[in-house]
Amino acid sequence: MPTSPAQAPTVPAHVLPHRTPAQLLAVARHGLAEAARTRPDGLRYAAAHLAALRAAAALLAARARPAPGRRNRITSVWVLLSTVAPELDEWAGYFAAGASKRAAAEAGIPRVVSAREADDLLRAAEEFVAVVEAALGRQPALDGLHRPLRLGGSDATPRPGAAAA
């Protein structure tokens, strides 16, 4: 992990989040709780995926620094995450692979994901958020969901679903 801002990886300034890492992690935890309460499989999948996306954004907000550049290219948060936090490359690939299903689920396409896929993604998103919290030096929520929301204040790394060795 970079030790000074001069060593931090750069990303186009327009893709950096406008919230603090702590705010983004709080929103990610809230999204996980919402996903856990959501019954329709597609909506549960989408909410869990968005929670993971917000956790990835928190890591970008904490580790990357803006680089001057033009807005001529769309860049996935998952691609940026692999650049900024190479140790999370497998996580980035896992969630990038589910982005089209999330978009389809959000669009209301029926039966785009099964109950098992939604539950699996929710579990993976819970683990990923905890990994990001640990990477940022925050105490992960022990129960995975019931962390209080605090949208201010100050402010991780195995493979998706893998047990620590």
N, C-alpha and C. Protein backbone atom coordinates (compact mmCIF):
# COMPACT_ATOMS: atom_id res chain seq x y z
N MET A 1 0.86 -1.18 0.00
CA MET A 1 0.00 0.00 0.00
C MET A 1 0.89 1.22 0.00
N PRO A 2 0.56 2.25 -0.80
CA PRO A 2 1.37 3.44 -0.87
C PRO A 2 1.47 4.12 0.48
N THR A 3 2.64 4.71 0.72
CA THR A 3 2.85 5.36 2.01
C THR A 3 2.74 6.87 1.93
N SER A 4 2.77 7.42 0.74
CA SER A 4 2.62 8.87 0.61
C SER A 4 1.75 9.17 -0.60
N PRO A 5 1.16 10.36 -0.62
CA PRO A 5 0.31 10.71 -1.76
C PRO A 5 1.07 10.67 -3.08
N ALA A 6 2.36 10.96 -3.07
CA ALA A 6 3.14 10.94 -4.30
C ALA A 6 3.23 9.53 -4.87
N GLN A 7 3.11 8.50 -4.03
CA GLN A 7 3.19 7.13 -4.49
C GLN A 7 1.83 6.53 -4.82
N ALA A 8 0.77 7.21 -4.48
CA ALA A 8 -0.57 6.68 -4.72
C ALA A 8 -0.83 6.57 -6.21
N PRO A 9 -1.48 5.49 -6.65
CA PRO A 9 -1.83 5.38 -8.06
C PRO A 9 -2.75 6.51 -8.46
N THR A 10 -2.67 6.91 -9.71
CA THR A 10 -3.53 7.98 -10.18
C THR A 10 -4.65 7.41 -11.03
N VAL A 11 -5.78 8.05 -10.95
CA VAL A 11 -6.95 7.72 -11.78
C VAL A 11 -7.52 9.04 -12.28
N PRO A 12 -8.24 9.00 -13.38
CA PRO A 12 -8.84 10.25 -13.87
C PRO A 12 -9.67 10.92 -12.78
N ALA A 13 -9.48 12.20 -12.62
CA ALA A 13 -10.12 12.93 -11.53
C ALA A 13 -11.64 12.80 -11.55
N HIS A 14 -12.23 12.74 -12.73
CA HIS A 14 -13.70 12.70 -12.80
C HIS A 14 -14.29 11.38 -12.31
N VAL A 15 -13.48 10.35 -12.13
CA VAL A 15 -14.03 9.07 -11.65
C VAL A 15 -13.88 8.89 -10.14
N LEU A 16 -13.16 9.78 -9.48
CA LEU A 16 -13.03 9.65 -8.04
C LEU A 16 -14.33 10.04 -7.35
N PRO A 17 -14.68 9.29 -6.30
CA PRO A 17 -15.93 9.59 -5.58
C PRO A 17 -15.89 10.95 -4.90
N HIS A 18 -17.05 11.51 -4.69
CA HIS A 18 -17.17 12.80 -4.00
C HIS A 18 -17.51 12.63 -2.54
N ARG A 19 -17.53 11.40 -2.06
CA ARG A 19 -17.77 11.12 -0.65
C ARG A 19 -16.48 10.59 -0.03
N THR A 20 -16.42 10.64 1.29
CA THR A 20 -15.25 10.11 1.98
C THR A 20 -15.32 8.59 2.01
N PRO A 21 -14.18 7.93 2.23
CA PRO A 21 -14.21 6.48 2.37
C PRO A 21 -15.18 6.02 3.48
N ALA A 22 -15.20 6.74 4.58
CA ALA A 22 -16.10 6.36 5.68
C ALA A 22 -17.56 6.47 5.25
N GLN A 23 -17.91 7.51 4.53
CA GLN A 23 -19.28 7.66 4.05
C GLN A 23 -19.64 6.54 3.09
N LEU A 24 -18.73 6.23 2.18
CA LEU A 24 -19.00 5.18 1.20
C LEU A 24 -19.14 3.81 1.87
N LEU A 25 -18.33 3.54 2.87
CA LEU A 25 -18.46 2.27 3.59
C LEU A 25 -19.78 2.20 4.36
N ALA A 26 -20.18 3.31 4.92
CA ALA A 26 -21.47 3.34 5.63
C ALA A 26 -22.61 3.08 4.65
N VAL A 27 -22.55 3.67 3.48
CA VAL A 27 -23.58 3.45 2.47
C VAL A 27 -23.53 2.00 1.99
N ALA A 28 -22.34 1.43 1.87
CA ALA A 28 -22.21 0.02 1.47
C ALA A 28 -22.85 -0.89 2.51
N ARG A 29 -22.59 -0.64 3.78
CA ARG A 29 -23.20 -1.44 4.85
C ARG A 29 -24.72 -1.31 4.83
N HIS A 30 -25.20 -0.10 4.61
CA HIS A 30 -26.64 0.11 4.51
C HIS A 30 -27.20 -0.68 3.32
N GLY A 31 -26.49 -0.69 2.21
CA GLY A 31 -26.91 -1.44 1.04
C GLY A 31 -26.96 -2.94 1.30
N LEU A 32 -26.01 -3.45 2.07
CA LEU A 32 -26.03 -4.87 2.43
C LEU A 32 -27.27 -5.19 3.28
N ALA A 33 -27.59 -4.32 4.21
CA ALA A 33 -28.77 -4.53 5.05
C ALA A 33 -30.04 -4.50 4.19
N GLU A 34 -30.08 -3.56 3.26
CA GLU A 34 -31.23 -3.48 2.36
C GLU A 34 -31.33 -4.75 1.51
N ALA A 35 -30.20 -5.22 0.99
CA ALA A 35 -30.21 -6.43 0.16
C ALA A 35 -30.72 -7.62 0.98
N ALA A 36 -30.30 -7.71 2.23
CA ALA A 36 -30.71 -8.83 3.08
C ALA A 36 -32.22 -8.82 3.34
N ARG A 37 -32.84 -7.64 3.33
CA ARG A 37 -34.28 -7.52 3.57
C ARG A 37 -35.11 -7.68 2.29
N THR A 38 -34.45 -7.62 1.14
CA THR A 38 -35.16 -7.61 -0.15
C THR A 38 -35.49 -9.02 -0.60
N ARG A 39 -36.74 -9.27 -0.92
CA ARG A 39 -37.18 -10.61 -1.32
C ARG A 39 -37.00 -10.89 -2.81
N PRO A 40 -37.37 -10.00 -3.73
CA PRO A 40 -37.19 -10.35 -5.14
C PRO A 40 -35.70 -10.60 -5.43
N ASP A 41 -35.42 -11.74 -6.06
CA ASP A 41 -34.03 -12.15 -6.27
C ASP A 41 -33.21 -11.12 -7.05
N GLY A 42 -33.78 -10.59 -8.13
CA GLY A 42 -33.05 -9.63 -8.94
C GLY A 42 -32.70 -8.37 -8.18
N LEU A 43 -33.66 -7.89 -7.39
CA LEU A 43 -33.40 -6.68 -6.60
C LEU A 43 -32.40 -6.94 -5.49
N ARG A 44 -32.43 -8.12 -4.89
CA ARG A 44 -31.45 -8.49 -3.86
C ARG A 44 -30.06 -8.54 -4.48
N TYR A 45 -29.95 -9.15 -5.65
CA TYR A 45 -28.68 -9.23 -6.37
C TYR A 45 -28.14 -7.83 -6.66
N ALA A 46 -29.02 -6.98 -7.20
CA ALA A 46 -28.61 -5.62 -7.57
C ALA A 46 -28.17 -4.82 -6.34
N ALA A 47 -28.91 -4.91 -5.25
CA ALA A 47 -28.55 -4.16 -4.04
C ALA A 47 -27.21 -4.64 -3.48
N ALA A 48 -26.98 -5.94 -3.49
CA ALA A 48 -25.71 -6.47 -2.99
C ALA A 48 -24.56 -6.04 -3.89
N HIS A 49 -24.78 -6.06 -5.20
CA HIS A 49 -23.73 -5.65 -6.14
C HIS A 49 -23.40 -4.17 -5.95
N LEU A 50 -24.42 -3.36 -5.77
CA LEU A 50 -24.19 -1.93 -5.55
C LEU A 50 -23.44 -1.67 -4.24
N ALA A 51 -23.71 -2.47 -3.22
CA ALA A 51 -22.98 -2.33 -1.96
C ALA A 51 -21.49 -2.62 -2.19
N ALA A 52 -21.19 -3.65 -2.96
CA ALA A 52 -19.79 -3.97 -3.27
C ALA A 52 -19.16 -2.84 -4.09
N LEU A 53 -19.93 -2.28 -5.00
CA LEU A 53 -19.44 -1.17 -5.82
C LEU A 53 -19.08 0.03 -4.95
N ARG A 54 -19.90 0.29 -3.95
CA ARG A 54 -19.62 1.43 -3.05
C ARG A 54 -18.39 1.16 -2.18
N ALA A 55 -18.19 -0.08 -1.78
CA ALA A 55 -16.98 -0.43 -1.02
C ALA A 55 -15.75 -0.24 -1.90
N ALA A 56 -15.84 -0.65 -3.15
CA ALA A 56 -14.71 -0.45 -4.08
C ALA A 56 -14.43 1.05 -4.24
N ALA A 57 -15.49 1.85 -4.33
CA ALA A 57 -15.32 3.30 -4.44
C ALA A 57 -14.64 3.86 -3.20
N ALA A 58 -14.95 3.30 -2.03
CA ALA A 58 -14.29 3.76 -0.79
C ALA A 58 -12.79 3.53 -0.87
N LEU A 59 -12.39 2.39 -1.40
CA LEU A 59 -10.97 2.10 -1.52
C LEU A 59 -10.32 3.06 -2.52
N LEU A 60 -10.99 3.33 -3.62
CA LEU A 60 -10.46 4.30 -4.59
C LEU A 60 -10.33 5.68 -3.95
N ALA A 61 -11.34 6.07 -3.19
CA ALA A 61 -11.29 7.39 -2.54
C ALA A 61 -10.12 7.48 -1.57
N ALA A 62 -9.79 6.37 -0.92
CA ALA A 62 -8.72 6.38 0.07
C ALA A 62 -7.33 6.26 -0.55
N ARG A 63 -7.20 5.49 -1.61
CA ARG A 63 -5.87 5.16 -2.12
C ARG A 63 -5.44 5.88 -3.38
N ALA A 64 -6.36 6.30 -4.18
CA ALA A 64 -5.99 6.90 -5.47
C ALA A 64 -5.91 8.41 -5.36
N ARG A 65 -5.14 8.97 -6.23
CA ARG A 65 -5.11 10.43 -6.31
C ARG A 65 -5.51 10.83 -7.72
N PRO A 66 -6.11 12.00 -7.85
CA PRO A 66 -6.60 12.40 -9.17
C PRO A 66 -5.46 12.70 -10.13
N ALA A 67 -5.65 12.30 -11.36
CA ALA A 67 -4.71 12.63 -12.42
C ALA A 67 -5.45 13.53 -13.41
N PRO A 68 -4.77 14.56 -13.87
CA PRO A 68 -5.44 15.40 -14.86
C PRO A 68 -5.71 14.54 -16.11
N GLY A 69 -6.82 14.76 -16.70
CA GLY A 69 -7.14 13.99 -17.89
C GLY A 69 -8.49 14.37 -18.44
N ARG A 70 -8.73 13.86 -19.61
CA ARG A 70 -10.00 14.14 -20.26
C ARG A 70 -10.99 13.03 -19.97
N ARG A 71 -12.24 13.36 -20.13
CA ARG A 71 -13.32 12.41 -19.87
C ARG A 71 -13.69 11.63 -21.13
N ASN A 72 -12.72 11.24 -21.91
CA ASN A 72 -13.04 10.63 -23.19
C ASN A 72 -13.24 9.12 -23.12
N ARG A 73 -13.11 8.53 -21.97
CA ARG A 73 -13.17 7.08 -21.89
C ARG A 73 -13.92 6.65 -20.64
N ILE A 74 -14.82 5.71 -20.80
CA ILE A 74 -15.55 5.16 -19.65
C ILE A 74 -14.67 4.07 -19.04
N THR A 75 -14.50 4.15 -17.74
CA THR A 75 -13.67 3.17 -17.04
C THR A 75 -14.48 2.56 -15.90
N SER A 76 -14.48 1.26 -15.84
CA SER A 76 -15.19 0.54 -14.79
C SER A 76 -14.48 0.72 -13.45
N VAL A 77 -15.26 0.83 -12.40
CA VAL A 77 -14.68 0.88 -11.05
C VAL A 77 -13.86 -0.37 -10.80
N TRP A 78 -14.30 -1.50 -11.37
CA TRP A 78 -13.59 -2.76 -11.14
C TRP A 78 -12.23 -2.75 -11.81
N VAL A 79 -12.11 -2.12 -12.97
CA VAL A 79 -10.81 -1.97 -13.63
C VAL A 79 -9.91 -1.06 -12.80
N LEU A 80 -10.48 0.04 -12.33
CA LEU A 80 -9.70 0.96 -11.49
C LEU A 80 -9.26 0.29 -10.19
N LEU A 81 -10.13 -0.53 -9.60
CA LEU A 81 -9.79 -1.21 -8.36
C LEU A 81 -8.59 -2.13 -8.57
N SER A 82 -8.55 -2.83 -9.68
CA SER A 82 -7.41 -3.71 -9.98
C SER A 82 -6.12 -2.93 -10.09
N THR A 83 -6.21 -1.71 -10.59
CA THR A 83 -5.03 -0.86 -10.72
C THR A 83 -4.58 -0.30 -9.38
N VAL A 84 -5.54 0.17 -8.60
CA VAL A 84 -5.24 0.83 -7.33
C VAL A 84 -4.94 -0.18 -6.22
N ALA A 85 -5.60 -1.32 -6.25
CA ALA A 85 -5.43 -2.35 -5.22
C ALA A 85 -5.28 -3.72 -5.90
N PRO A 86 -4.10 -3.99 -6.46
CA PRO A 86 -3.92 -5.25 -7.21
C PRO A 86 -4.21 -6.49 -6.37
N GLU A 87 -4.09 -6.37 -5.06
CA GLU A 87 -4.37 -7.52 -4.19
C GLU A 87 -5.86 -7.88 -4.21
N LEU A 88 -6.70 -7.00 -4.74
CA LEU A 88 -8.13 -7.26 -4.82
C LEU A 88 -8.58 -7.57 -6.25
N ASP A 89 -7.63 -7.94 -7.09
CA ASP A 89 -7.90 -8.21 -8.49
C ASP A 89 -8.96 -9.31 -8.69
N GLU A 90 -8.89 -10.37 -7.91
CA GLU A 90 -9.88 -11.45 -8.06
C GLU A 90 -11.28 -10.97 -7.67
N TRP A 91 -11.35 -10.16 -6.62
CA TRP A 91 -12.64 -9.59 -6.24
C TRP A 91 -13.17 -8.72 -7.38
N ALA A 92 -12.30 -7.89 -7.93
CA ALA A 92 -12.72 -7.00 -9.02
C ALA A 92 -13.26 -7.81 -10.19
N GLY A 93 -12.57 -8.89 -10.55
CA GLY A 93 -13.04 -9.74 -11.64
C GLY A 93 -14.37 -10.38 -11.34
N TYR A 94 -14.54 -10.82 -10.10
CA TYR A 94 -15.78 -11.47 -9.68
C TYR A 94 -16.97 -10.51 -9.83
N PHE A 95 -16.83 -9.31 -9.30
CA PHE A 95 -17.95 -8.37 -9.35
C PHE A 95 -18.12 -7.78 -10.75
N ALA A 96 -17.04 -7.61 -11.50
CA ALA A 96 -17.18 -7.13 -12.88
C ALA A 96 -17.98 -8.12 -13.71
N ALA A 97 -17.78 -9.41 -13.46
CA ALA A 97 -18.51 -10.44 -14.19
C ALA A 97 -20.01 -10.39 -13.91
N GLY A 98 -20.41 -9.85 -12.78
CA GLY A 98 -21.82 -9.77 -12.43
C GLY A 98 -22.48 -8.46 -12.79
N ALA A 99 -21.72 -7.52 -13.35
CA ALA A 99 -22.27 -6.18 -13.62
C ALA A 99 -23.41 -6.22 -14.63
N SER A 100 -23.32 -7.04 -15.66
CA SER A 100 -24.39 -7.07 -16.66
C SER A 100 -25.67 -7.69 -16.08
N LYS A 101 -25.51 -8.67 -15.19
CA LYS A 101 -26.70 -9.24 -14.52
C LYS A 101 -27.33 -8.20 -13.62
N ARG A 102 -26.51 -7.42 -12.93
CA ARG A 102 -27.06 -6.36 -12.07
C ARG A 102 -27.86 -5.38 -12.91
N ALA A 103 -27.30 -4.96 -14.04
CA ALA A 103 -28.00 -4.01 -14.90
C ALA A 103 -29.32 -4.59 -15.41
N ALA A 104 -29.30 -5.86 -15.78
CA ALA A 104 -30.53 -6.50 -16.25
C ALA A 104 -31.57 -6.59 -15.13
N ALA A 105 -31.11 -6.92 -13.93
CA ALA A 105 -32.02 -7.01 -12.78
C ALA A 105 -32.61 -5.64 -12.47
N GLU A 106 -31.79 -4.60 -12.51
CA GLU A 106 -32.28 -3.24 -12.25
C GLU A 106 -33.28 -2.80 -13.31
N ALA A 107 -33.11 -3.31 -14.53
CA ALA A 107 -34.02 -2.96 -15.62
C ALA A 107 -35.35 -3.71 -15.52
N GLY A 108 -35.44 -4.63 -14.56
CA GLY A 108 -36.69 -5.34 -14.35
C GLY A 108 -36.86 -6.58 -15.19
N ILE A 109 -35.80 -7.07 -15.80
CA ILE A 109 -35.90 -8.28 -16.59
C ILE A 109 -36.15 -9.45 -15.64
N PRO A 110 -37.24 -10.16 -15.83
CA PRO A 110 -37.58 -11.23 -14.88
C PRO A 110 -36.64 -12.43 -14.99
N ARG A 111 -36.44 -13.06 -13.87
CA ARG A 111 -35.66 -14.30 -13.76
C ARG A 111 -34.25 -14.20 -14.33
N VAL A 112 -33.66 -13.01 -14.26
CA VAL A 112 -32.29 -12.85 -14.75
C VAL A 112 -31.28 -13.50 -13.78
N VAL A 113 -31.67 -13.57 -12.50
CA VAL A 113 -30.84 -14.27 -11.51
C VAL A 113 -31.73 -15.18 -10.67
N SER A 114 -31.13 -16.25 -10.20
CA SER A 114 -31.85 -17.18 -9.33
C SER A 114 -31.70 -16.74 -7.88
N ALA A 115 -32.49 -17.35 -7.03
CA ALA A 115 -32.39 -17.07 -5.59
C ALA A 115 -30.99 -17.41 -5.10
N ARG A 116 -30.44 -18.51 -5.56
CA ARG A 116 -29.10 -18.91 -5.13
C ARG A 116 -28.05 -17.89 -5.58
N GLU A 117 -28.15 -17.42 -6.83
CA GLU A 117 -27.19 -16.42 -7.31
C GLU A 117 -27.28 -15.15 -6.47
N ALA A 118 -28.49 -14.74 -6.14
CA ALA A 118 -28.66 -13.53 -5.32
C ALA A 118 -28.08 -13.74 -3.93
N ASP A 119 -28.34 -14.88 -3.33
CA ASP A 119 -27.81 -15.17 -2.00
C ASP A 119 -26.29 -15.28 -2.02
N ASP A 120 -25.75 -15.93 -3.05
CA ASP A 120 -24.29 -16.06 -3.18
C ASP A 120 -23.63 -14.69 -3.34
N LEU A 121 -24.23 -13.84 -4.16
CA LEU A 121 -23.65 -12.51 -4.36
C LEU A 121 -23.75 -11.69 -3.09
N LEU A 122 -24.84 -11.81 -2.35
CA LEU A 122 -24.97 -11.09 -1.09
C LEU A 122 -23.88 -11.52 -0.12
N ARG A 123 -23.64 -12.82 0.01
CA ARG A 123 -22.56 -13.30 0.89
C ARG A 123 -21.20 -12.78 0.44
N ALA A 124 -20.95 -12.82 -0.87
CA ALA A 124 -19.68 -12.33 -1.40
C ALA A 124 -19.53 -10.83 -1.14
N ALA A 125 -20.59 -10.08 -1.33
CA ALA A 125 -20.54 -8.63 -1.08
C ALA A 125 -20.27 -8.34 0.38
N GLU A 126 -20.89 -9.10 1.29
CA GLU A 126 -20.62 -8.91 2.72
C GLU A 126 -19.15 -9.15 3.02
N GLU A 127 -18.60 -10.21 2.46
CA GLU A 127 -17.18 -10.51 2.68
C GLU A 127 -16.29 -9.42 2.07
N PHE A 128 -16.63 -8.98 0.86
CA PHE A 128 -15.84 -7.95 0.20
C PHE A 128 -15.84 -6.65 0.99
N VAL A 129 -16.99 -6.24 1.48
CA VAL A 129 -17.05 -5.01 2.28
C VAL A 129 -16.15 -5.14 3.51
N ALA A 130 -16.17 -6.29 4.15
CA ALA A 130 -15.31 -6.52 5.32
C ALA A 130 -13.83 -6.46 4.92
N VAL A 131 -13.50 -7.01 3.76
CA VAL A 131 -12.12 -6.99 3.26
C VAL A 131 -11.68 -5.54 3.02
N VAL A 132 -12.54 -4.75 2.41
CA VAL A 132 -12.21 -3.34 2.16
C VAL A 132 -12.07 -2.59 3.48
N GLU A 133 -12.96 -2.84 4.41
CA GLU A 133 -12.85 -2.18 5.72
C GLU A 133 -11.50 -2.51 6.36
N ALA A 134 -11.10 -3.76 6.30
CA ALA A 134 -9.81 -4.15 6.88
C ALA A 134 -8.65 -3.50 6.12
N ALA A 135 -8.76 -3.42 4.80
CA ALA A 135 -7.70 -2.79 4.01
C ALA A 135 -7.54 -1.32 4.36
N LEU A 136 -8.64 -0.71 4.77
CA LEU A 136 -8.60 0.71 5.13
C LEU A 136 -8.38 0.93 6.62
N GLY A 137 -8.12 -0.17 7.34
CA GLY A 137 -7.83 -0.05 8.76
C GLY A 137 -9.05 0.17 9.63
N ARG A 138 -10.21 -0.19 9.12
CA ARG A 138 -11.44 -0.05 9.90
C ARG A 138 -11.81 -1.41 10.45
N GLN A 139 -12.51 -1.42 11.55
CA GLN A 139 -12.96 -2.67 12.16
C GLN A 139 -14.18 -3.19 11.40
N PRO A 140 -14.06 -4.34 10.72
CA PRO A 140 -15.24 -4.87 10.03
C PRO A 140 -16.35 -5.21 11.03
N ALA A 141 -17.57 -5.08 10.58
CA ALA A 141 -18.72 -5.44 11.42
C ALA A 141 -18.68 -6.94 11.67
N LEU A 142 -18.84 -7.34 12.91
CA LEU A 142 -18.76 -8.75 13.26
C LEU A 142 -19.90 -9.57 12.70
N ASP A 143 -21.08 -9.01 12.67
CA ASP A 143 -22.22 -9.78 12.19
C ASP A 143 -22.49 -9.57 10.72
N GLY A 144 -21.69 -8.75 10.06
CA GLY A 144 -21.84 -8.56 8.64
C GLY A 144 -22.90 -7.55 8.22
N LEU A 145 -23.80 -7.16 9.12
CA LEU A 145 -24.86 -6.25 8.68
C LEU A 145 -25.19 -5.13 9.65
N HIS A 146 -25.06 -5.33 10.92
CA HIS A 146 -25.64 -4.39 11.87
C HIS A 146 -24.64 -3.37 12.40
N ARG A 147 -23.90 -2.76 11.52
CA ARG A 147 -22.98 -1.69 11.89
C ARG A 147 -23.76 -0.37 11.82
N PRO A 148 -23.64 0.47 12.83
CA PRO A 148 -24.39 1.73 12.80
C PRO A 148 -23.90 2.61 11.64
N LEU A 149 -24.82 3.35 11.05
CA LEU A 149 -24.47 4.26 9.97
C LEU A 149 -23.96 5.56 10.54
N ARG A 150 -22.77 5.93 10.14
CA ARG A 150 -22.21 7.24 10.49
C ARG A 150 -21.66 7.83 9.22
N LEU A 151 -22.29 8.86 8.71
CA LEU A 151 -21.90 9.42 7.43
C LEU A 151 -20.90 10.56 7.55
N GLY A 152 -20.09 10.56 8.54
CA GLY A 152 -19.05 11.56 8.65
C GLY A 152 -17.87 10.97 9.37
N GLY A 153 -16.85 11.74 9.52
CA GLY A 153 -15.72 11.26 10.30
C GLY A 153 -14.63 10.66 9.46
N SER A 154 -13.63 10.12 10.15
CA SER A 154 -12.47 9.59 9.45
C SER A 154 -12.69 8.18 8.96
N ASP A 155 -11.81 8.03 8.42
CA ASP A 155 -11.83 6.64 8.04
C ASP A 155 -10.90 5.93 8.99
N ALA A 156 -7.47 -4.38 3.02
CA ALA A 156 -8.30 -5.48 3.32
C ALA A 156 -8.01 -6.50 2.31
N THR A 157 -7.93 -9.24 2.51
CA THR A 157 -7.65 -9.05 1.11
C THR A 157 -7.66 -10.37 0.37
N PRO A 158 -8.32 -11.32 0.88
CA PRO A 158 -8.39 -12.61 0.21
C PRO A 158 -9.30 -12.62 -1.00
N ARG A 159 -9.28 -13.71 -1.72
CA ARG A 159 -10.08 -13.95 -2.90
C ARG A 159 -11.54 -14.14 -2.51
N PRO A 160 -12.46 -13.81 -3.40
CA PRO A 160 -13.85 -13.98 -3.07
C PRO A 160 -14.18 -15.39 -2.61
N GLY A 161 -14.70 -15.51 -1.40
CA GLY A 161 -15.13 -16.79 -0.88
C GLY A 161 -14.03 -17.69 -0.37
N ALA A 162 -12.78 -17.27 -0.48
CA ALA A 162 -11.69 -18.13 -0.05
C ALA A 162 -11.43 -17.98 1.46
N ALA A 163 -11.12 -19.07 2.08
CA ALA A 163 -10.76 -19.02 3.50
C ALA A 163 -9.32 -18.58 3.63
N ALA A 164 -9.02 -17.86 4.68
CA ALA A 164 -7.64 -17.41 4.91
C ALA A 164 -6.78 -18.61 5.25
N ALA A 165 -5.57 -18.61 4.70
CA ALA A 165 -4.67 -19.74 4.94
C ALA A 165 -3.87 -19.55 6.19
